[in-house]
Amino acid sequence: SGAFSVGGQALPVIFDTGSFEVIVLSTMCGASCAEGHVVYDKTKSTTFVEENESITARHYFGSGPVTSQKGREVIRLGPPTSPYEVNSMPFWQVVTHGIKAWNEHAAFSGIVGLGHPSFTPEGYTAELVDNGASTDSHESLLSSLGVWSFALCL
């Protein structure tokens, strides 16, 4: 896992080059999926912006589905002191999930999409739970940071 910060709260995350959104375990998920994890708590943030509460969506990964609620927050790639910051970045707070590997033994509390296009491509945004439509496209994390290329050292 890698360092990441949402609203000043440090969370261990996995970086996913095949997705485009920021999804974090949150207090909205309850004890069943928060057990053993550091979770995001919007009540501990002074920079959280609530989206329309009806924006609940489902994300699909090869390992299972995630249902989440959209918000906006100050996001930092790295620890809370990192200079790589995006203000009012759309992100998703997990409400429920069906990813078996995301259990109490998992060493991550979020999935951070590092997909590269400036905007999330059509068909890759989360599916709204209420009507099945896609949410509005938004700028990806990397383009919001002004990052146009990167390398991973393994």
C-alpha atoms as a PDB file:
ATOM      1  CA  SER A   1       0.000   0.000   0.000  1.00  0.00           C
ATOM      2  CA  GLY A   2       0.986   3.624  -0.399  1.00  0.00           C
ATOM      3  CA  ALA A   3       0.459   6.868   1.495  1.00  0.00           C
ATOM      4  CA  PHE A   4      -2.565   9.006   0.654  1.00  0.00           C
ATOM      5  CA  SER A   5      -4.482  11.688   2.480  1.00  0.00           C
ATOM      6  CA  VAL A   6      -8.145  12.677   2.311  1.00  0.00           C
ATOM      7  CA  GLY A   7      -9.200  15.765   4.265  1.00  0.00           C
ATOM      8  CA  GLY A   8      -5.992  15.613   6.319  1.00  0.00           C
ATOM      9  CA  GLN A   9      -6.610  11.967   7.263  1.00  0.00           C
ATOM     10  CA  ALA A  10      -3.811   9.592   6.258  1.00  0.00           C
ATOM     11  CA  LEU A  11      -5.025   6.356   4.687  1.00  0.00           C
ATOM     12  CA  PRO A  12      -3.059   3.412   3.286  1.00  0.00           C
ATOM     13  CA  VAL A  13      -4.273   2.838  -0.296  1.00  0.00           C
ATOM     14  CA  ILE A  14      -3.535   0.765  -3.336  1.00  0.00           C
ATOM     15  CA  PHE A  15      -2.882   2.609  -6.580  1.00  0.00           C
ATOM     16  CA  ASP A  16      -4.799   1.236  -9.566  1.00  0.00           C
ATOM     17  CA  THR A  17      -3.660   2.200 -13.060  1.00  0.00           C
ATOM     18  CA  GLY A  18      -6.816   0.626 -14.508  1.00  0.00           C
ATOM     19  CA  SER A  19      -9.342   2.895 -12.782  1.00  0.00           C
ATOM     20  CA  PHE A  20      -9.980   6.627 -12.562  1.00  0.00           C
ATOM     21  CA  GLU A  21     -11.675   7.376  -9.244  1.00  0.00           C
ATOM     22  CA  VAL A  22     -10.739   7.731  -5.575  1.00  0.00           C
ATOM     23  CA  ILE A  23     -12.659   5.294  -3.348  1.00  0.00           C
ATOM     24  CA  VAL A  24     -12.025   5.061   0.412  1.00  0.00           C
ATOM     25  CA  LEU A  25     -13.423   3.083   3.321  1.00  0.00           C
ATOM     26  CA  SER A  26     -15.427   5.422   5.494  1.00  0.00           C
ATOM     27  CA  THR A  27     -17.425   5.561   8.695  1.00  0.00           C
ATOM     28  CA  MET A  28     -20.506   5.279   6.431  1.00  0.00           C
ATOM     29  CA  CYS A  29     -19.584   1.632   5.883  1.00  0.00           C
ATOM     30  CA  GLY A  30     -20.047   0.657   9.506  1.00  0.00           C
ATOM     31  CA  ALA A  31     -18.201  -1.936  11.541  1.00  0.00           C
ATOM     32  CA  SER A  32     -18.663  -4.743   9.018  1.00  0.00           C
ATOM     33  CA  CYS A  33     -16.200  -3.332   6.491  1.00  0.00           C
ATOM     34  CA  ALA A  34     -14.247  -0.956   8.701  1.00  0.00           C
ATOM     35  CA  GLU A  35     -12.969  -3.637  11.095  1.00  0.00           C
ATOM     36  CA  GLY A  36      -9.177  -3.507  11.296  1.00  0.00           C
ATOM     37  CA  HIS A  37      -8.903  -0.495   8.961  1.00  0.00           C
ATOM     38  CA  VAL A  38      -8.153   3.188   9.186  1.00  0.00           C
ATOM     39  CA  VAL A  39     -11.268   4.821   7.707  1.00  0.00           C
ATOM     40  CA  TYR A  40     -12.149   8.284   6.443  1.00  0.00           C
ATOM     41  CA  ASP A  41     -14.500  10.236   8.723  1.00  0.00           C
ATOM     42  CA  LYS A  42     -16.109  13.288   7.111  1.00  0.00           C
ATOM     43  CA  THR A  43     -16.997  14.683  10.563  1.00  0.00           C
ATOM     44  CA  LYS A  44     -13.256  15.045  11.312  1.00  0.00           C
ATOM     45  CA  SER A  45     -12.664  17.158   8.206  1.00  0.00           C
ATOM     46  CA  THR A  46     -13.002  20.918   7.832  1.00  0.00           C
ATOM     47  CA  THR A  47     -12.735  20.698   4.030  1.00  0.00           C
ATOM     48  CA  PHE A  48     -15.377  18.055   3.199  1.00  0.00           C
ATOM     49  CA  VAL A  49     -18.101  19.154   0.767  1.00  0.00           C
ATOM     50  CA  GLU A  50     -21.278  17.079   0.641  1.00  0.00           C
ATOM     51  CA  GLU A  51     -22.562  16.258  -2.816  1.00  0.00           C
ATOM     52  CA  ASN A  52     -26.259  15.823  -3.403  1.00  0.00           C
ATOM     53  CA  GLU A  53     -27.079  12.920  -1.057  1.00  0.00           C
ATOM     54  CA  SER A  54     -28.779  11.055  -3.892  1.00  0.00           C
ATOM     55  CA  ILE A  55     -25.410  10.485  -5.559  1.00  0.00           C
ATOM     56  CA  THR A  56     -24.862   6.920  -4.462  1.00  0.00           C
ATOM     57  CA  ALA A  57     -23.098   4.773  -7.027  1.00  0.00           C
ATOM     58  CA  ARG A  58     -21.828   1.289  -7.720  1.00  0.00           C
ATOM     59  CA  HIS A  59     -18.278   0.638  -8.936  1.00  0.00           C
ATOM     60  CA  TYR A  60     -17.236  -2.674 -10.448  1.00  0.00           C
ATOM     61  CA  PHE A  61     -13.801  -4.210 -10.032  1.00  0.00           C
ATOM     62  CA  GLY A  62     -12.635  -7.666 -11.067  1.00  0.00           C
ATOM     63  CA  SER A  63     -12.623  -8.564  -7.370  1.00  0.00           C
ATOM     64  CA  GLY A  64     -16.192  -7.375  -6.672  1.00  0.00           C
ATOM     65  CA  PRO A  65     -18.602  -4.430  -6.452  1.00  0.00           C
ATOM     66  CA  VAL A  66     -18.409  -1.342  -4.236  1.00  0.00           C
ATOM     67  CA  THR A  67     -21.352   0.924  -3.368  1.00  0.00           C
ATOM     68  CA  SER A  68     -20.370   4.420  -2.324  1.00  0.00           C
ATOM     69  CA  GLN A  69     -21.488   8.001  -1.810  1.00  0.00           C
ATOM     70  CA  LYS A  70     -19.894  10.933  -3.610  1.00  0.00           C
ATOM     71  CA  GLY A  71     -18.295  13.901  -1.885  1.00  0.00           C
ATOM     72  CA  ARG A  72     -15.531  16.457  -2.511  1.00  0.00           C
ATOM     73  CA  GLU A  73     -12.439  16.821  -0.410  1.00  0.00           C
ATOM     74  CA  VAL A  74      -8.844  18.027  -0.275  1.00  0.00           C
ATOM     75  CA  ILE A  75      -6.799  15.090  -1.560  1.00  0.00           C
ATOM     76  CA  ARG A  76      -3.036  14.684  -1.211  1.00  0.00           C
ATOM     77  CA  LEU A  77      -0.948  12.113  -2.996  1.00  0.00           C
ATOM     78  CA  GLY A  78       1.239  11.068  -0.072  1.00  0.00           C
ATOM     79  CA  PRO A  79       1.000  12.058   3.605  1.00  0.00           C
ATOM     80  CA  PRO A  80      -1.057  15.054   4.871  1.00  0.00           C
ATOM     81  CA  THR A  81       2.032  17.277   4.427  1.00  0.00           C
ATOM     82  CA  SER A  82       2.558  16.330   0.761  1.00  0.00           C
ATOM     83  CA  PRO A  83       2.783  19.201  -1.757  1.00  0.00           C
ATOM     84  CA  TYR A  84       0.767  17.122  -4.277  1.00  0.00           C
ATOM     85  CA  GLU A  85      -2.676  18.507  -3.403  1.00  0.00           C
ATOM     86  CA  VAL A  86      -6.008  18.822  -5.188  1.00  0.00           C
ATOM     87  CA  ASN A  87      -8.779  20.916  -3.630  1.00  0.00           C
ATOM     88  CA  SER A  88     -12.433  19.890  -3.993  1.00  0.00           C
ATOM     89  CA  MET A  89     -11.553  16.593  -5.688  1.00  0.00           C
ATOM     90  CA  PRO A  90     -14.520  14.278  -6.254  1.00  0.00           C
ATOM     91  CA  PHE A  91     -14.124  11.059  -4.285  1.00  0.00           C
ATOM     92  CA  TRP A  92     -16.282   8.167  -3.114  1.00  0.00           C
ATOM     93  CA  GLN A  93     -16.950   7.019   0.477  1.00  0.00           C
ATOM     94  CA  VAL A  94     -17.619   3.285   0.676  1.00  0.00           C
ATOM     95  CA  VAL A  95     -21.056   2.388   2.041  1.00  0.00           C
ATOM     96  CA  THR A  96     -20.850  -1.376   1.308  1.00  0.00           C
ATOM     97  CA  HIS A  97     -18.584  -3.625  -0.725  1.00  0.00           C
ATOM     98  CA  GLY A  98     -18.300  -7.198  -1.940  1.00  0.00           C
ATOM     99  CA  ILE A  99     -14.522  -7.394  -2.380  1.00  0.00           C
ATOM    100  CA  LYS A 100     -13.459 -10.492  -0.441  1.00  0.00           C
ATOM    101  CA  ALA A 101      -9.803  -9.419  -0.342  1.00  0.00           C
ATOM    102  CA  TRP A 102     -10.816  -6.136   1.328  1.00  0.00           C
ATOM    103  CA  ASN A 103     -11.251  -7.845   4.688  1.00  0.00           C
ATOM    104  CA  GLU A 104      -9.833  -7.187   8.172  1.00  0.00           C
ATOM    105  CA  HIS A 105      -6.444  -8.572   7.036  1.00  0.00           C
ATOM    106  CA  ALA A 106      -6.078  -6.206   4.060  1.00  0.00           C
ATOM    107  CA  ALA A 107      -3.407  -3.531   4.414  1.00  0.00           C
ATOM    108  CA  PHE A 108      -5.294  -0.845   2.477  1.00  0.00           C
ATOM    109  CA  SER A 109      -8.247   1.471   3.131  1.00  0.00           C
ATOM    110  CA  GLY A 110      -8.755   2.866  -0.348  1.00  0.00           C
ATOM    111  CA  ILE A 111      -8.378   2.376  -4.081  1.00  0.00           C
ATOM    112  CA  VAL A 112      -6.867   5.339  -5.925  1.00  0.00           C
ATOM    113  CA  GLY A 113      -7.354   5.364  -9.669  1.00  0.00           C
ATOM    114  CA  LEU A 114      -4.289   6.510 -11.576  1.00  0.00           C
ATOM    115  CA  GLY A 115      -5.940   6.324 -14.984  1.00  0.00           C
ATOM    116  CA  HIS A 116      -4.309   8.958 -17.146  1.00  0.00           C
ATOM    117  CA  PRO A 117      -6.853  10.789 -19.354  1.00  0.00           C
ATOM    118  CA  SER A 118      -7.722  14.370 -18.422  1.00  0.00           C
ATOM    119  CA  PHE A 119     -11.314  13.338 -17.859  1.00  0.00           C
ATOM    120  CA  THR A 120     -12.755   9.991 -16.879  1.00  0.00           C
ATOM    121  CA  PRO A 121     -13.810   8.281 -20.121  1.00  0.00           C
ATOM    122  CA  GLU A 122     -17.495   7.647 -20.782  1.00  0.00           C
ATOM    123  CA  GLY A 123     -18.489   4.242 -19.463  1.00  0.00           C
ATOM    124  CA  TYR A 124     -15.759   4.264 -16.794  1.00  0.00           C
ATOM    125  CA  THR A 125     -17.570   6.427 -14.292  1.00  0.00           C
ATOM    126  CA  ALA A 126     -19.553   4.920 -11.457  1.00  0.00           C
ATOM    127  CA  GLU A 127     -23.076   3.710 -12.169  1.00  0.00           C
ATOM    128  CA  LEU A 128     -25.733   5.540 -10.163  1.00  0.00           C
ATOM    129  CA  VAL A 129     -27.688   3.178  -7.970  1.00  0.00           C
ATOM    130  CA  ASP A 130     -31.034   4.965  -8.358  1.00  0.00           C
ATOM    131  CA  ASN A 131     -31.386   5.177 -12.134  1.00  0.00           C
ATOM    132  CA  GLY A 132     -28.427   3.333 -13.664  1.00  0.00           C
ATOM    133  CA  ALA A 133     -27.057   6.433 -15.421  1.00  0.00           C
ATOM    134  CA  SER A 134     -23.411   7.376 -15.209  1.00  0.00           C
ATOM    135  CA  THR A 135     -22.259  10.228 -13.027  1.00  0.00           C
ATOM    136  CA  ASP A 136     -20.790  13.300 -14.675  1.00  0.00           C
ATOM    137  CA  SER A 137     -17.239  12.863 -15.879  1.00  0.00           C
ATOM    138  CA  HIS A 138     -14.679  14.683 -13.798  1.00  0.00           C
ATOM    139  CA  GLU A 139     -11.030  15.417 -14.128  1.00  0.00           C
ATOM    140  CA  SER A 140      -8.797  12.509 -13.119  1.00  0.00           C
ATOM    141  CA  LEU A 141      -6.503  12.784 -10.098  1.00  0.00           C
ATOM    142  CA  LEU A 142      -3.329  12.787 -12.205  1.00  0.00           C
ATOM    143  CA  SER A 143      -4.496  15.532 -14.547  1.00  0.00           C
ATOM    144  CA  SER A 144      -5.752  17.565 -11.560  1.00  0.00           C
ATOM    145  CA  LEU A 145      -2.208  17.325 -10.166  1.00  0.00           C
ATOM    146  CA  GLY A 146      -0.664  18.278 -13.531  1.00  0.00           C
ATOM    147  CA  VAL A 147       1.006  14.870 -13.856  1.00  0.00           C
ATOM    148  CA  TRP A 148       1.218  13.755 -17.484  1.00  0.00           C
ATOM    149  CA  SER A 149       3.590  10.828 -17.067  1.00  0.00           C
ATOM    150  CA  PHE A 150       4.912   8.746 -14.202  1.00  0.00           C
ATOM    151  CA  ALA A 151       6.856   5.575 -13.477  1.00  0.00           C
ATOM    152  CA  LEU A 152       6.482   2.989 -10.757  1.00  0.00           C
ATOM    153  CA  CYS A 153       9.546   1.562  -9.090  1.00  0.00           C
ATOM    154  CA  LEU A 154       8.957  -1.957  -7.861  1.00  0.00           C
END
